[in-house]
């Protein structure tokens, strides 16, 4: 499952005059997935069911 829009990643980097590798969107999606899982764990450890920006 992908959590990022590859065309938007490419658009953002193109605006920075950079090119994107074919596997970048998948790697970014995995990175986001890991970050959100950690954020959820932190929220649970703090007795909350709501994940907040500060959990990232």
PDB file of N, CA and C in Angstrom:
ATOM      1  N   UNK A   1       0.848  -1.182   0.000  1.00  0.00           N
ATOM      2  CA  UNK A   1       0.000   0.000   0.000  1.00  0.00           C
ATOM      3  C   UNK A   1       0.890   1.240   0.000  1.00  0.00           C
ATOM      4  N   UNK A   2       0.504   2.212  -0.791  1.00  0.00           N
ATOM      5  CA  UNK A   2       1.263   3.454  -0.861  1.00  0.00           C
ATOM      6  C   UNK A   2       0.535   4.551  -0.097  1.00  0.00           C
ATOM      7  N   UNK A   3       1.299   5.332   0.650  1.00  0.00           N
ATOM      8  CA  UNK A   3       0.737   6.423   1.438  1.00  0.00           C
ATOM      9  C   UNK A   3       1.101   7.788   0.861  1.00  0.00           C
ATOM     10  N   UNK A   4       1.855   7.790  -0.234  1.00  0.00           N
ATOM     11  CA  UNK A   4       2.238   9.052  -0.865  1.00  0.00           C
ATOM     12  C   UNK A   4       1.819   9.040  -2.328  1.00  0.00           C
ATOM     13  N   UNK A   5       1.641  10.212  -2.867  1.00  0.00           N
ATOM     14  CA  UNK A   5       1.292  10.350  -4.280  1.00  0.00           C
ATOM     15  C   UNK A   5       2.594  10.613  -5.033  1.00  0.00           C
ATOM     16  N   UNK A   6       3.001   9.638  -5.834  1.00  0.00           N
ATOM     17  CA  UNK A   6       4.290   9.714  -6.525  1.00  0.00           C
ATOM     18  C   UNK A   6       4.411  10.965  -7.379  1.00  0.00           C
ATOM     19  N   UNK A   7       3.346  11.349  -8.055  1.00  0.00           N
ATOM     20  CA  UNK A   7       3.413  12.528  -8.917  1.00  0.00           C
ATOM     21  C   UNK A   7       3.653  13.800  -8.109  1.00  0.00           C
ATOM     22  N   UNK A   8       3.139  13.849  -6.889  1.00  0.00           N
ATOM     23  CA  UNK A   8       3.338  15.021  -6.032  1.00  0.00           C
ATOM     24  C   UNK A   8       4.773  15.069  -5.508  1.00  0.00           C
ATOM     25  N   UNK A   9       5.330  13.897  -5.204  1.00  0.00           N
ATOM     26  CA  UNK A   9       6.731  13.827  -4.773  1.00  0.00           C
ATOM     27  C   UNK A   9       7.611  14.329  -5.912  1.00  0.00           C
ATOM     28  N   UNK A  10       7.340  13.838  -7.107  1.00  0.00           N
ATOM     29  CA  UNK A  10       8.121  14.230  -8.276  1.00  0.00           C
ATOM     30  C   UNK A  10       7.974  15.736  -8.538  1.00  0.00           C
ATOM     31  N   UNK A  11       6.762  16.251  -8.414  1.00  0.00           N
ATOM     32  CA  UNK A  11       6.497  17.678  -8.618  1.00  0.00           C
ATOM     33  C   UNK A  11       7.284  18.534  -7.637  1.00  0.00           C
ATOM     34  N   UNK A  12       7.278  18.139  -6.372  1.00  0.00           N
ATOM     35  CA  UNK A  12       7.988  18.889  -5.341  1.00  0.00           C
ATOM     36  C   UNK A  12       9.487  18.917  -5.635  1.00  0.00           C
ATOM     37  N   UNK A  13      10.042  17.782  -5.989  1.00  0.00           N
ATOM     38  CA  UNK A  13      11.480  17.718  -6.246  1.00  0.00           C
ATOM     39  C   UNK A  13      11.864  18.401  -7.555  1.00  0.00           C
ATOM     40  N   UNK A  14      10.978  18.346  -8.536  1.00  0.00           N
ATOM     41  CA  UNK A  14      11.239  19.032  -9.799  1.00  0.00           C
ATOM     42  C   UNK A  14      11.326  20.540  -9.557  1.00  0.00           C
ATOM     43  N   UNK A  15      10.485  21.054  -8.654  1.00  0.00           N
ATOM     44  CA  UNK A  15      10.520  22.477  -8.308  1.00  0.00           C
ATOM     45  C   UNK A  15      11.846  22.854  -7.654  1.00  0.00           C
ATOM     46  N   UNK A  16      12.516  21.884  -7.053  1.00  0.00           N
ATOM     47  CA  UNK A  16      13.833  22.104  -6.444  1.00  0.00           C
ATOM     48  C   UNK A  16      14.951  21.778  -7.433  1.00  0.00           C
ATOM     49  N   UNK A  17      14.582  21.625  -8.707  1.00  0.00           N
ATOM     50  CA  UNK A  17      15.520  21.310  -9.788  1.00  0.00           C
ATOM     51  C   UNK A  17      16.233  19.975  -9.562  1.00  0.00           C
ATOM     52  N   UNK A  18      15.477  19.000  -9.056  1.00  0.00           N
ATOM     53  CA  UNK A  18      16.016  17.661  -8.795  1.00  0.00           C
ATOM     54  C   UNK A  18      15.214  16.636  -9.583  1.00  0.00           C
ATOM     55  N   UNK A  19      15.816  15.489  -9.799  1.00  0.00           N
ATOM     56  CA  UNK A  19      15.143  14.382 -10.461  1.00  0.00           C
ATOM     57  C   UNK A  19      14.807  13.331  -9.403  1.00  0.00           C
ATOM     58  N   UNK A  20      13.886  12.426  -9.724  1.00  0.00           N
ATOM     59  CA  UNK A  20      13.501  11.395  -8.767  1.00  0.00           C
ATOM     60  C   UNK A  20      13.807  10.007  -9.325  1.00  0.00           C
ATOM     61  N   UNK A  21      14.284   9.152  -8.478  1.00  0.00           N
ATOM     62  CA  UNK A  21      14.522   7.759  -8.837  1.00  0.00           C
ATOM     63  C   UNK A  21      13.185   7.025  -8.794  1.00  0.00           C
ATOM     64  N   UNK A  22      13.078   5.956  -9.527  1.00  0.00           N
ATOM     65  CA  UNK A  22      11.838   5.204  -9.608  1.00  0.00           C
ATOM     66  C   UNK A  22      11.372   4.621  -8.290  1.00  0.00           C
ATOM     67  N   UNK A  23      12.296   4.358  -7.386  1.00  0.00           N
ATOM     68  CA  UNK A  23      11.936   3.731  -6.112  1.00  0.00           C
ATOM     69  C   UNK A  23      11.727   4.736  -4.977  1.00  0.00           C
ATOM     70  N   UNK A  24      11.823   6.035  -5.276  1.00  0.00           N
ATOM     71  CA  UNK A  24      11.721   7.041  -4.218  1.00  0.00           C
ATOM     72  C   UNK A  24      10.347   7.074  -3.556  1.00  0.00           C
ATOM     73  N   UNK A  25       9.282   7.034  -4.339  1.00  0.00           N
ATOM     74  CA  UNK A  25       7.935   7.109  -3.762  1.00  0.00           C
ATOM     75  C   UNK A  25       7.668   5.929  -2.826  1.00  0.00           C
ATOM     76  N   UNK A  26       8.113   4.733  -3.202  1.00  0.00           N
ATOM     77  CA  UNK A  26       7.929   3.570  -2.326  1.00  0.00           C
ATOM     78  C   UNK A  26       8.721   3.732  -1.030  1.00  0.00           C
ATOM     79  N   UNK A  27       9.940   4.257  -1.127  1.00  0.00           N
ATOM     80  CA  UNK A  27      10.760   4.469   0.068  1.00  0.00           C
ATOM     81  C   UNK A  27      10.142   5.536   0.965  1.00  0.00           C
ATOM     82  N   UNK A  28       9.608   6.598   0.365  1.00  0.00           N
ATOM     83  CA  UNK A  28       8.957   7.652   1.141  1.00  0.00           C
ATOM     84  C   UNK A  28       7.711   7.116   1.842  1.00  0.00           C
ATOM     85  N   UNK A  29       6.981   6.254   1.156  1.00  0.00           N
ATOM     86  CA  UNK A  29       5.786   5.657   1.730  1.00  0.00           C
ATOM     87  C   UNK A  29       6.144   4.785   2.936  1.00  0.00           C
ATOM     88  N   UNK A  30       7.198   4.006   2.806  1.00  0.00           N
ATOM     89  CA  UNK A  30       7.657   3.149   3.906  1.00  0.00           C
ATOM     90  C   UNK A  30       8.109   4.003   5.090  1.00  0.00           C
ATOM     91  N   UNK A  31       8.825   5.080   4.801  1.00  0.00           N
ATOM     92  CA  UNK A  31       9.291   5.998   5.833  1.00  0.00           C
ATOM     93  C   UNK A  31       8.097   6.588   6.593  1.00  0.00           C
ATOM     94  N   UNK A  32       7.080   7.015   5.848  1.00  0.00           N
ATOM     95  CA  UNK A  32       5.877   7.572   6.456  1.00  0.00           C
ATOM     96  C   UNK A  32       5.154   6.528   7.297  1.00  0.00           C
ATOM     97  N   UNK A  33       5.042   5.315   6.779  1.00  0.00           N
ATOM     98  CA  UNK A  33       4.378   4.241   7.519  1.00  0.00           C
ATOM     99  C   UNK A  33       5.068   3.996   8.856  1.00  0.00           C
ATOM    100  N   UNK A  34       6.393   3.922   8.838  1.00  0.00           N
ATOM    101  CA  UNK A  34       7.153   3.706  10.074  1.00  0.00           C
ATOM    102  C   UNK A  34       6.946   4.855  11.051  1.00  0.00           C
ATOM    103  N   UNK A  35       6.976   6.081  10.539  1.00  0.00           N
ATOM    104  CA  UNK A  35       6.797   7.259  11.398  1.00  0.00           C
ATOM    105  C   UNK A  35       5.412   7.266  12.041  1.00  0.00           C
ATOM    106  N   UNK A  36       4.389   6.898  11.282  1.00  0.00           N
ATOM    107  CA  UNK A  36       3.025   6.892  11.824  1.00  0.00           C
ATOM    108  C   UNK A  36       2.826   5.784  12.852  1.00  0.00           C
ATOM    109  N   UNK A  37       3.455   4.643  12.631  1.00  0.00           N
ATOM    110  CA  UNK A  37       3.369   3.559  13.622  1.00  0.00           C
ATOM    111  C   UNK A  37       4.025   3.982  14.933  1.00  0.00           C
ATOM    112  N   UNK A  38       5.172   4.656  14.842  1.00  0.00           N
ATOM    113  CA  UNK A  38       5.853   5.144  16.043  1.00  0.00           C
ATOM    114  C   UNK A  38       5.005   6.203  16.741  1.00  0.00           C
ATOM    115  N   UNK A  39       4.366   7.057  15.955  1.00  0.00           N
ATOM    116  CA  UNK A  39       3.514   8.096  16.530  1.00  0.00           C
ATOM    117  C   UNK A  39       2.323   7.484  17.255  1.00  0.00           C
ATOM    118  N   UNK A  40       1.741   6.449  16.676  1.00  0.00           N
ATOM    119  CA  UNK A  40       0.611   5.769  17.309  1.00  0.00           C
ATOM    120  C   UNK A  40       1.035   5.127  18.625  1.00  0.00           C
ATOM    121  N   UNK A  41       2.203   4.530  18.629  1.00  0.00           N
ATOM    122  CA  UNK A  41       2.720   3.906  19.855  1.00  0.00           C
ATOM    123  C   UNK A  41       2.939   4.961  20.938  1.00  0.00           C
ATOM    124  N   UNK A  42       3.479   6.106  20.554  1.00  0.00           N
ATOM    125  CA  UNK A  42       3.723   7.179  21.514  1.00  0.00           C
ATOM    126  C   UNK A  42       2.400   7.686  22.093  1.00  0.00           C
ATOM    127  N   UNK A  43       1.395   7.844  21.242  1.00  0.00           N
ATOM    128  CA  UNK A  43       0.085   8.304  21.722  1.00  0.00           C
ATOM    129  C   UNK A  43      -0.502   7.303  22.712  1.00  0.00           C
ATOM    130  N   UNK A  44      -0.407   6.022  22.389  1.00  0.00           N
ATOM    131  CA  UNK A  44      -0.922   4.976  23.293  1.00  0.00           C
ATOM    132  C   UNK A  44      -0.192   5.004  24.625  1.00  0.00           C
ATOM    133  N   UNK A  45       1.126   5.176  24.570  1.00  0.00           N
ATOM    134  CA  UNK A  45       1.926   5.221  25.802  1.00  0.00           C
ATOM    135  C   UNK A  45       1.551   6.419  26.673  1.00  0.00           C
ATOM    136  N   UNK A  46       0.999   7.443  26.035  1.00  0.00           N
ATOM    137  CA  UNK A  46       0.559   8.633  26.766  1.00  0.00           C
ATOM    138  C   UNK A  46      -0.929   8.582  27.091  1.00  0.00           C
ATOM    139  N   UNK A  47      -1.530   7.408  26.923  1.00  0.00           N
ATOM    140  CA  UNK A  47      -2.927   7.218  27.305  1.00  0.00           C
ATOM    141  C   UNK A  47      -3.926   7.862  26.370  1.00  0.00           C
ATOM    142  N   UNK A  48      -3.523   8.084  25.118  1.00  0.00           N
ATOM    143  CA  UNK A  48      -4.434   8.708  24.160  1.00  0.00           C
ATOM    144  C   UNK A  48      -4.741   7.773  23.016  1.00  0.00           C
ATOM    145  N   UNK A  49      -5.904   7.951  22.418  1.00  0.00           N
ATOM    146  CA  UNK A  49      -6.262   7.232  21.211  1.00  0.00           C
ATOM    147  C   UNK A  49      -6.168   8.138  19.987  1.00  0.00           C
ATOM    148  N   UNK A  50      -5.829   9.383  20.229  1.00  0.00           N
ATOM    149  CA  UNK A  50      -5.677  10.358  19.148  1.00  0.00           C
ATOM    150  C   UNK A  50      -4.198  10.620  18.916  1.00  0.00           C
ATOM    151  N   UNK A  51      -3.761  10.411  17.686  1.00  0.00           N
ATOM    152  CA  UNK A  51      -2.381  10.709  17.327  1.00  0.00           C
ATOM    153  C   UNK A  51      -2.314  12.171  16.931  1.00  0.00           C
ATOM    154  N   UNK A  52      -1.383  12.886  17.556  1.00  0.00           N
ATOM    155  CA  UNK A  52      -1.230  14.310  17.309  1.00  0.00           C
ATOM    156  C   UNK A  52       0.079  14.582  16.579  1.00  0.00           C
ATOM    157  N   UNK A  53       0.197  15.775  16.042  1.00  0.00           N
ATOM    158  CA  UNK A  53       1.426  16.175  15.347  1.00  0.00           C
ATOM    159  C   UNK A  53       2.645  16.043  16.260  1.00  0.00           C
ATOM    160  N   UNK A  54       2.464  16.321  17.526  1.00  0.00           N
ATOM    161  CA  UNK A  54       3.596  16.243  18.457  1.00  0.00           C
ATOM    162  C   UNK A  54       4.087  14.813  18.645  1.00  0.00           C
ATOM    163  N   UNK A  55       3.301  13.822  18.273  1.00  0.00           N
ATOM    164  CA  UNK A  55       3.725  12.418  18.373  1.00  0.00           C
ATOM    165  C   UNK A  55       4.745  12.057  17.305  1.00  0.00           C
ATOM    166  N   UNK A  56       4.789  12.861  16.248  1.00  0.00           N
ATOM    167  CA  UNK A  56       5.773  12.612  15.209  1.00  0.00           C
ATOM    168  C   UNK A  56       7.152  13.039  15.664  1.00  0.00           C
TER     169      UNK A  56
END
